[in-house]
N, C-alpha and C. Protein backbone atom coordinates (compact mmCIF):
# COMPACT_ATOMS: atom_id res chain seq x y z
N MET A 1 0.72 -1.40 -0.22
CA MET A 1 -0.08 0.19 -0.09
C MET A 1 0.86 1.30 -0.17
N SER A 2 0.80 2.23 -0.93
CA SER A 2 1.54 3.45 -0.94
C SER A 2 0.93 4.56 -0.10
N THR A 3 1.83 4.98 0.29
CA THR A 3 1.58 6.15 1.08
C THR A 3 0.88 7.86 0.18
N PRO A 4 -0.03 8.13 0.82
CA PRO A 4 -0.58 9.35 -0.32
C PRO A 4 0.21 10.59 0.10
N ASP A 5 0.28 11.03 -1.22
CA ASP A 5 1.20 12.30 -1.27
C ASP A 5 0.28 13.55 -0.84
N VAL A 6 0.68 14.07 0.35
CA VAL A 6 0.13 14.87 0.85
C VAL A 6 0.94 16.69 0.91
N THR A 7 2.02 16.45 -0.06
CA THR A 7 2.33 17.82 -0.21
C THR A 7 1.68 18.74 -0.79
N GLY A 8 1.47 19.71 -0.71
CA GLY A 8 0.54 20.88 -1.06
C GLY A 8 -1.06 20.49 -1.33
N GLN A 9 -1.47 19.50 -0.49
CA GLN A 9 -2.76 19.16 -0.37
C GLN A 9 -3.15 19.40 1.17
N SER A 10 -2.90 20.58 1.31
CA SER A 10 -3.39 20.84 3.30
C SER A 10 -4.43 20.72 3.38
N ALA A 11 -5.71 20.96 2.74
CA ALA A 11 -6.92 20.31 3.14
C ALA A 11 -7.09 18.87 3.37
N ALA A 12 -6.26 18.09 2.58
CA ALA A 12 -6.48 16.56 2.75
C ALA A 12 -5.63 16.22 4.25
N TYR A 13 -4.35 16.88 4.04
CA TYR A 13 -3.89 16.76 5.24
C TYR A 13 -4.32 17.08 6.24
N GLU A 14 -5.00 18.26 6.66
CA GLU A 14 -5.60 18.54 7.56
C GLU A 14 -6.70 17.41 8.03
N ALA A 15 -7.35 16.71 7.00
CA ALA A 15 -8.28 15.65 7.41
C ALA A 15 -7.56 14.53 8.05
N TYR A 16 -6.33 14.23 7.55
CA TYR A 16 -5.14 13.24 8.33
C TYR A 16 -5.23 13.53 9.69
N GLU A 17 -4.68 14.87 10.03
CA GLU A 17 -4.73 15.33 11.40
C GLU A 17 -5.64 14.99 12.00
N ALA A 18 -6.94 15.24 11.88
CA ALA A 18 -8.20 15.37 12.47
C ALA A 18 -8.44 13.89 12.64
N ALA A 19 -8.36 12.99 11.53
CA ALA A 19 -8.50 11.22 12.05
C ALA A 19 -7.56 10.83 13.12
N ALA A 20 -6.23 11.34 13.05
CA ALA A 20 -5.52 10.87 13.80
C ALA A 20 -5.43 11.47 15.50
N GLU A 21 -6.00 12.57 15.27
CA GLU A 21 -6.39 13.12 16.66
C GLU A 21 -7.52 12.10 17.35
N LEU A 22 -8.74 11.99 16.61
CA LEU A 22 -9.63 11.21 16.89
C LEU A 22 -9.25 9.79 17.30
N LEU A 23 -8.20 8.92 16.29
CA LEU A 23 -7.88 7.98 16.79
C LEU A 23 -7.17 7.95 17.99
N ARG A 24 -6.23 8.76 18.37
CA ARG A 24 -5.56 8.93 19.48
C ARG A 24 -6.53 9.07 20.79
N ALA A 25 -7.58 9.84 20.65
CA ALA A 25 -8.91 9.88 21.77
C ALA A 25 -9.22 8.73 21.96
N LEU A 26 -9.23 8.01 21.14
CA LEU A 26 -9.97 6.36 21.26
C LEU A 26 -8.82 5.16 21.72
N SER A 27 -7.64 5.54 22.06
CA SER A 27 -6.55 4.81 22.03
C SER A 27 -6.36 4.19 23.03
N ALA A 28 -7.66 4.20 24.36
CA ALA A 28 -7.76 3.59 25.35
C ALA A 28 -8.84 2.63 25.40
N PRO A 29 -8.90 1.37 25.69
CA PRO A 29 -9.73 0.31 25.54
C PRO A 29 -11.14 0.49 26.52
N ILE A 30 -10.98 1.52 27.57
CA ILE A 30 -12.09 2.05 28.20
C ILE A 30 -12.90 2.87 27.72
N ARG A 31 -12.18 3.83 26.68
CA ARG A 31 -12.52 4.78 25.82
C ARG A 31 -13.37 4.31 24.97
N VAL A 32 -12.86 3.20 23.94
CA VAL A 32 -13.78 2.61 23.48
C VAL A 32 -14.89 2.04 23.70
N ALA A 33 -14.63 1.44 24.98
CA ALA A 33 -16.08 0.94 25.46
C ALA A 33 -17.13 2.08 25.69
N ILE A 34 -16.92 3.17 26.56
CA ILE A 34 -17.43 4.41 26.72
C ILE A 34 -18.21 4.96 25.50
N VAL A 35 -17.33 4.92 24.27
CA VAL A 35 -18.07 5.38 23.00
C VAL A 35 -18.97 4.31 22.43
N ALA A 36 -18.75 3.18 22.69
CA ALA A 36 -19.62 2.11 22.35
C ALA A 36 -21.10 2.18 22.75
N GLU A 37 -20.87 2.41 24.38
CA GLU A 37 -22.19 2.75 24.92
C GLU A 37 -23.01 3.98 24.71
N LEU A 38 -22.23 5.18 24.40
CA LEU A 38 -22.81 6.21 24.04
C LEU A 38 -23.54 6.20 22.70
N GLY A 39 -23.04 5.14 21.91
CA GLY A 39 -23.51 4.86 20.56
C GLY A 39 -25.18 4.42 21.06
N ALA A 40 -25.33 4.05 21.81
CA ALA A 40 -26.65 3.50 22.15
C ALA A 40 -27.51 4.47 22.82
N GLY A 41 -27.20 5.46 23.12
CA GLY A 41 -27.72 6.64 23.66
C GLY A 41 -27.06 7.29 25.01
N GLU A 42 -27.66 8.43 25.33
CA GLU A 42 -27.35 9.16 26.41
C GLU A 42 -27.01 8.51 27.51
N ARG A 43 -25.76 8.71 28.28
CA ARG A 43 -25.76 7.96 29.61
C ARG A 43 -24.93 8.99 30.79
N CYS A 44 -25.52 8.64 32.19
CA CYS A 44 -24.50 9.20 32.72
C CYS A 44 -23.55 8.83 33.56
N VAL A 45 -22.48 9.15 34.41
CA VAL A 45 -21.25 8.57 35.23
C VAL A 45 -21.73 7.34 35.32
N HIS A 46 -22.76 7.22 36.11
CA HIS A 46 -23.20 6.03 37.29
C HIS A 46 -23.38 4.81 36.41
N GLU A 47 -24.35 5.21 35.27
CA GLU A 47 -24.81 4.13 34.19
C GLU A 47 -23.40 3.55 33.77
N LEU A 48 -22.67 4.23 33.13
CA LEU A 48 -21.44 3.79 32.63
C LEU A 48 -20.33 2.82 33.79
N VAL A 49 -20.21 3.48 35.02
CA VAL A 49 -19.74 3.13 35.77
C VAL A 49 -20.13 1.09 36.09
N GLU A 50 -21.75 1.13 36.07
CA GLU A 50 -22.30 0.20 35.86
C GLU A 50 -22.09 -0.90 34.96
N LYS A 51 -22.55 -0.58 33.84
CA LYS A 51 -22.30 -1.25 32.75
C LYS A 51 -20.96 -1.69 32.15
N LEU A 52 -19.86 -1.03 32.41
CA LEU A 52 -18.39 -0.97 32.51
C LEU A 52 -17.85 -2.00 33.39
N GLY A 53 -18.22 -1.81 34.63
CA GLY A 53 -17.80 -2.23 35.72
C GLY A 53 -16.61 -1.94 36.33
N VAL A 54 -16.33 -0.52 36.23
CA VAL A 54 -14.94 0.17 36.68
C VAL A 54 -15.43 1.26 37.47
N SER A 55 -14.05 1.63 38.13
CA SER A 55 -14.49 2.82 38.94
C SER A 55 -14.92 4.46 38.46
N GLN A 56 -15.78 5.09 39.37
CA GLN A 56 -16.10 6.23 38.58
C GLN A 56 -15.01 7.32 38.77
N PRO A 57 -14.30 7.32 39.36
CA PRO A 57 -12.94 8.07 38.80
C PRO A 57 -12.29 7.73 37.28
N LEU A 58 -12.28 6.63 37.29
CA LEU A 58 -11.78 6.03 35.89
C LEU A 58 -12.92 6.55 34.63
N VAL A 59 -13.91 6.35 34.89
CA VAL A 59 -14.77 6.97 34.13
C VAL A 59 -14.56 8.12 33.67
N SER A 60 -14.75 9.14 34.81
CA SER A 60 -14.44 10.54 34.40
C SER A 60 -13.60 10.95 34.10
N GLN A 61 -12.49 10.38 34.45
CA GLN A 61 -11.18 10.70 33.91
C GLN A 61 -10.91 10.33 32.31
N HIS A 62 -11.62 9.29 31.83
CA HIS A 62 -11.69 8.88 30.33
C HIS A 62 -12.93 9.82 29.48
N LEU A 63 -13.55 10.39 30.23
CA LEU A 63 -14.83 11.26 29.68
C LEU A 63 -14.31 12.40 29.63
N ARG A 64 -13.34 12.81 30.30
CA ARG A 64 -12.76 14.33 30.32
C ARG A 64 -11.90 14.27 29.23
N VAL A 65 -11.02 13.29 29.06
CA VAL A 65 -10.22 13.27 27.75
C VAL A 65 -11.21 13.13 26.35
N LEU A 66 -12.27 12.39 26.39
CA LEU A 66 -13.14 12.18 25.42
C LEU A 66 -13.85 13.65 25.11
N ARG A 67 -14.48 14.39 26.25
CA ARG A 67 -14.68 15.62 26.18
C ARG A 67 -13.78 16.75 25.62
N GLY A 68 -12.38 16.78 26.14
CA GLY A 68 -11.23 17.44 25.32
C GLY A 68 -11.06 17.39 23.69
N ALA A 69 -11.51 15.98 23.50
CA ALA A 69 -11.21 15.88 21.89
C ALA A 69 -12.25 15.92 21.41
N GLY A 70 -13.43 16.73 21.94
CA GLY A 70 -14.84 16.94 21.04
C GLY A 70 -15.28 15.59 20.46
N VAL A 71 -15.23 14.38 21.20
CA VAL A 71 -16.01 13.32 20.62
C VAL A 71 -17.22 13.24 21.81
N VAL A 72 -17.27 13.53 22.92
CA VAL A 72 -18.52 13.81 23.51
C VAL A 72 -18.89 14.79 23.93
N ARG A 73 -20.02 15.17 24.60
CA ARG A 73 -20.34 16.26 25.32
C ARG A 73 -21.09 16.00 26.53
N GLY A 74 -21.54 16.91 27.57
CA GLY A 74 -22.32 16.62 28.67
C GLY A 74 -23.25 17.64 28.85
N ALA A 75 -24.43 17.34 29.27
CA ALA A 75 -25.18 18.12 29.46
C ALA A 75 -26.19 17.80 30.84
N ARG A 76 -26.22 18.93 31.92
CA ARG A 76 -26.62 18.81 33.26
C ARG A 76 -28.08 18.11 33.07
N ARG A 77 -28.28 17.40 34.10
CA ARG A 77 -29.60 16.71 34.22
C ARG A 77 -30.04 16.55 35.76
N GLY A 78 -30.30 18.12 36.28
CA GLY A 78 -30.31 17.67 37.51
C GLY A 78 -29.02 17.82 38.34
N ARG A 79 -28.57 16.96 39.11
CA ARG A 79 -27.36 17.11 39.87
C ARG A 79 -26.49 16.09 38.80
N GLU A 80 -26.79 15.40 37.94
CA GLU A 80 -25.93 14.77 37.12
C GLU A 80 -25.91 15.23 35.93
N ILE A 81 -24.62 14.60 35.17
CA ILE A 81 -24.50 15.20 33.66
C ILE A 81 -24.55 13.82 32.86
N ALA A 82 -25.30 14.24 31.60
CA ALA A 82 -25.98 13.44 30.85
C ALA A 82 -24.58 13.08 29.69
N TYR A 83 -23.88 12.24 29.24
CA TYR A 83 -22.97 12.40 28.18
C TYR A 83 -23.53 11.92 26.93
N SER A 84 -23.34 12.60 25.77
CA SER A 84 -23.56 11.53 24.50
C SER A 84 -22.75 12.00 23.53
N LEU A 85 -22.73 11.25 22.11
CA LEU A 85 -21.58 11.32 21.34
C LEU A 85 -21.93 12.86 20.80
N VAL A 86 -20.96 13.59 20.27
CA VAL A 86 -21.01 14.81 19.67
C VAL A 86 -21.55 14.28 18.05
N ASP A 87 -20.70 13.23 17.30
CA ASP A 87 -21.11 12.79 16.21
C ASP A 87 -21.43 11.22 16.37
N GLU A 88 -22.42 10.87 15.87
CA GLU A 88 -22.84 9.53 15.56
C GLU A 88 -21.82 8.80 14.84
N HIS A 89 -21.08 9.23 13.66
CA HIS A 89 -19.88 8.55 13.19
C HIS A 89 -19.06 7.58 13.93
N VAL A 90 -18.75 8.59 15.21
CA VAL A 90 -17.74 7.89 15.68
C VAL A 90 -18.22 6.39 16.42
N ALA A 91 -19.55 6.24 16.77
CA ALA A 91 -20.00 5.07 17.10
C ALA A 91 -19.74 3.87 15.99
N HIS A 92 -20.04 4.41 14.86
CA HIS A 92 -20.07 3.42 13.80
C HIS A 92 -18.54 2.96 13.69
N ILE A 93 -17.54 4.07 13.58
CA ILE A 93 -15.93 3.71 13.58
C ILE A 93 -15.72 2.84 14.47
N VAL A 94 -16.38 3.00 15.80
CA VAL A 94 -15.80 2.27 16.82
C VAL A 94 -16.57 0.60 16.67
N ALA A 95 -17.71 0.53 16.43
CA ALA A 95 -18.37 -0.58 16.09
C ALA A 95 -17.62 -1.50 15.02
N ASP A 96 -17.09 -0.84 13.72
CA ASP A 96 -16.52 -1.53 13.16
C ASP A 96 -15.15 -2.10 13.32
N ALA A 97 -14.66 -1.24 14.56
CA ALA A 97 -13.19 -1.71 14.56
C ALA A 97 -13.21 -3.05 15.74
N VAL A 98 -14.30 -2.95 16.49
CA VAL A 98 -14.74 -3.72 17.39
C VAL A 98 -14.88 -5.22 16.59
N SER A 99 -15.68 -5.05 15.57
CA SER A 99 -16.16 -6.27 14.94
C SER A 99 -15.23 -6.67 14.18
N HIS A 100 -14.02 -6.06 13.61
CA HIS A 100 -13.26 -6.56 12.93
C HIS A 100 -12.13 -6.79 14.13
N ALA A 101 -11.58 -6.39 15.08
CA ALA A 101 -10.88 -7.00 16.23
C ALA A 101 -11.38 -8.47 16.74
N ARG A 102 -12.63 -8.80 16.68
CA ARG A 102 -13.37 -10.19 16.98
C ARG A 102 -13.03 -11.10 15.90
N GLU A 103 -13.26 -10.60 14.72
CA GLU A 103 -13.00 -11.50 13.37
C GLU A 103 -11.70 -12.22 13.39
N GLY A 104 -10.51 -11.22 14.04
CA GLY A 104 -9.35 -11.79 13.98
C GLY A 104 -9.03 -12.90 15.31
N THR A 105 -9.96 -12.81 16.31
CA THR A 105 -9.56 -13.79 17.20
C THR A 105 -10.08 -15.26 16.95
């Protein structure tokens, strides 16, 4: 597979950079799991903790990374913050990646 020539193609290169940033944001298994859960709909932290079986501080830490990368957003719902995906395409990317990984095992 050849490497695309990005010299002089700043718009294309910017898209590659944005894709790389997205993939960096998804580089931890817990973040992939969070995105997969949010692909099914809005969730509060305690729901993610219960579903994923990890600690609340761990979920909050990874949500902070995903929020900083523009992958998720939070909306206050009373005393809690409900998280959702900014772009549903990310859920499809994660679902495809997980499906592909399962095929290899």
